C-alpha atoms as a PDB file:
ATOM      1  CA  MET A   1     282.943  19.987 254.047  1.00  0.00           C
ATOM      2  CA  ARG A   2     286.223  18.516 252.759  1.00  0.00           C
ATOM      3  CA  ILE A   3     288.447  17.234 255.608  1.00  0.00           C
ATOM      4  CA  THR A   4     291.813  15.450 255.566  1.00  0.00           C
ATOM      5  CA  LEU A   5     291.982  12.749 258.235  1.00  0.00           C
ATOM      6  CA  LYS A   6     295.367  12.045 259.813  1.00  0.00           C
ATOM      7  CA  MET A   7     297.003   8.897 261.151  1.00  0.00           C
ATOM      8  CA  PRO A   8     296.076   8.632 264.830  1.00  0.00           C
ATOM      9  CA  MET A   9     298.815   8.349 267.417  1.00  0.00           C
ATOM     10  CA  PHE A  10     298.199   5.219 269.493  1.00  0.00           C
ATOM     11  CA  GLY A  11     300.984   5.743 272.015  1.00  0.00           C
ATOM     12  CA  MET A  12     303.669   8.225 272.947  1.00  0.00           C
ATOM     13  CA  ASN A  13     306.374   6.167 271.222  1.00  0.00           C
ATOM     14  CA  MET A  14     304.454   5.474 268.015  1.00  0.00           C
ATOM     15  CA  ASP A  15     306.305   6.741 264.953  1.00  0.00           C
ATOM     16  CA  GLU A  16     304.228   5.190 262.166  1.00  0.00           C
ATOM     17  CA  ALA A  17     301.549   2.638 261.332  1.00  0.00           C
ATOM     18  CA  THR A  18     300.786   0.486 258.304  1.00  0.00           C
ATOM     19  CA  VAL A  19     297.336   0.483 256.686  1.00  0.00           C
ATOM     20  CA  VAL A  20     296.264  -3.160 256.467  1.00  0.00           C
ATOM     21  CA  ALA A  21     292.659  -2.700 255.240  1.00  0.00           C
ATOM     22  CA  TRP A  22     290.260  -0.079 253.925  1.00  0.00           C
ATOM     23  CA  HIS A  23     286.608  -0.761 254.784  1.00  0.00           C
ATOM     24  CA  ARG A  24     285.281   1.869 252.382  1.00  0.00           C
ATOM     25  CA  ALA A  25     286.236   2.693 248.790  1.00  0.00           C
ATOM     26  CA  PRO A  26     286.282   6.232 247.399  1.00  0.00           C
ATOM     27  CA  GLY A  27     282.705   7.328 246.767  1.00  0.00           C
ATOM     28  CA  GLU A  28     281.236   5.172 249.545  1.00  0.00           C
ATOM     29  CA  SER A  29     279.458   6.785 252.458  1.00  0.00           C
ATOM     30  CA  PHE A  30     279.844   5.969 256.143  1.00  0.00           C
ATOM     31  CA  ARG A  31     278.314   6.844 259.500  1.00  0.00           C
ATOM     32  CA  LYS A  32     280.024   8.241 262.566  1.00  0.00           C
ATOM     33  CA  GLY A  33     281.669   5.430 264.553  1.00  0.00           C
ATOM     34  CA  GLU A  34     281.878   2.961 261.662  1.00  0.00           C
ATOM     35  CA  SER A  35     285.312   1.560 260.876  1.00  0.00           C
ATOM     36  CA  LEU A  36     287.010   3.348 257.963  1.00  0.00           C
ATOM     37  CA  TYR A  37     290.314   1.488 257.928  1.00  0.00           C
ATOM     38  CA  GLN A  38     292.555  -0.809 259.949  1.00  0.00           C
ATOM     39  CA  VAL A  39     296.163  -0.077 260.922  1.00  0.00           C
ATOM     40  CA  GLU A  40     298.982  -2.093 262.431  1.00  0.00           C
ATOM     41  CA  THR A  41     301.856  -0.864 264.586  1.00  0.00           C
ATOM     42  CA  GLU A  42     304.642  -2.819 266.255  1.00  0.00           C
ATOM     43  CA  LYS A  43     302.366  -3.454 269.241  1.00  0.00           C
ATOM     44  CA  VAL A  44     298.737  -3.285 268.111  1.00  0.00           C
ATOM     45  CA  THR A  45     296.321  -3.776 265.221  1.00  0.00           C
ATOM     46  CA  THR A  46     293.276  -1.549 265.479  1.00  0.00           C
ATOM     47  CA  GLU A  47     290.304  -0.146 263.611  1.00  0.00           C
ATOM     48  CA  VAL A  48     290.060   3.595 262.983  1.00  0.00           C
ATOM     49  CA  GLU A  49     286.506   4.892 263.271  1.00  0.00           C
ATOM     50  CA  ALA A  50     284.861   7.667 261.289  1.00  0.00           C
ATOM     51  CA  PRO A  51     284.693  10.896 263.287  1.00  0.00           C
ATOM     52  CA  CYS A  52     281.421  11.927 261.586  1.00  0.00           C
ATOM     53  CA  ASP A  53     278.964  10.931 258.855  1.00  0.00           C
ATOM     54  CA  GLY A  54     280.337  11.447 255.364  1.00  0.00           C
ATOM     55  CA  THR A  55     281.795  10.052 252.150  1.00  0.00           C
ATOM     56  CA  LEU A  56     285.318   8.838 251.479  1.00  0.00           C
ATOM     57  CA  LEU A  57     286.727  10.991 248.678  1.00  0.00           C
ATOM     58  CA  GLU A  58     290.366   9.905 248.382  1.00  0.00           C
ATOM     59  CA  VAL A  59     292.708   7.326 249.908  1.00  0.00           C
ATOM     60  CA  LEU A  60     296.176   8.826 250.446  1.00  0.00           C
ATOM     61  CA  VAL A  61     297.822   5.754 252.051  1.00  0.00           C
ATOM     62  CA  PRO A  62     297.097   2.488 250.210  1.00  0.00           C
ATOM     63  CA  ILE A  63     296.973  -0.948 251.835  1.00  0.00           C
ATOM     64  CA  GLY A  64     300.432  -2.149 252.755  1.00  0.00           C
ATOM     65  CA  TYR A  65     301.931   1.328 253.022  1.00  0.00           C
ATOM     66  CA  SER A  66     302.987   3.083 256.205  1.00  0.00           C
ATOM     67  CA  ALA A  67     302.365   6.648 257.323  1.00  0.00           C
ATOM     68  CA  ALA A  68     303.880   8.655 260.140  1.00  0.00           C
ATOM     69  CA  ALA A  69     301.736   9.547 263.126  1.00  0.00           C
ATOM     70  CA  ARG A  70     299.645  12.610 262.261  1.00  0.00           C
ATOM     71  CA  ALA A  71     300.342  12.273 258.506  1.00  0.00           C
ATOM     72  CA  PRO A  72     297.383  12.610 256.082  1.00  0.00           C
ATOM     73  CA  VAL A  73     295.681   9.251 255.419  1.00  0.00           C
ATOM     74  CA  CYS A  74     292.496  10.089 253.503  1.00  0.00           C
ATOM     75  CA  VAL A  75     290.174  12.883 252.444  1.00  0.00           C
ATOM     76  CA  ILE A  76     286.476  12.796 253.330  1.00  0.00           C
ATOM     77  CA  ASP A  77     283.410  14.890 252.618  1.00  0.00           C
ATOM     78  CA  ALA A  78     282.010  15.411 256.117  1.00  0.00           C
ATOM     79  CA  LEU A  79     278.281  16.049 256.418  1.00  0.00           C
ATOM     80  CA  GLN A  80     277.249  19.187 258.242  1.00  0.00           C
ATOM     81  CA  PRO A  81     275.343  18.688 261.496  1.00  0.00           C
ATOM     82  CA  ALA A  82     271.572  18.920 260.992  1.00  0.00           C
END
């Protein structure tokens, strides 16, 4: 199932975050809980974990670019539960 993942909101005052690393390239698979990408805000740098098993289809926010909280960041192909 194709899902667009959004930039998490790490605090009530967070407006945006910058993607500082992608740990998967388009076409690579991942497991639930593995780190997909890393973001940096004014106060914190953190890893964003995969919400499910799947495959990264498309990166919408490249390294070094910022995205608003809740803005689309990437598109994944999420595996259906067994």
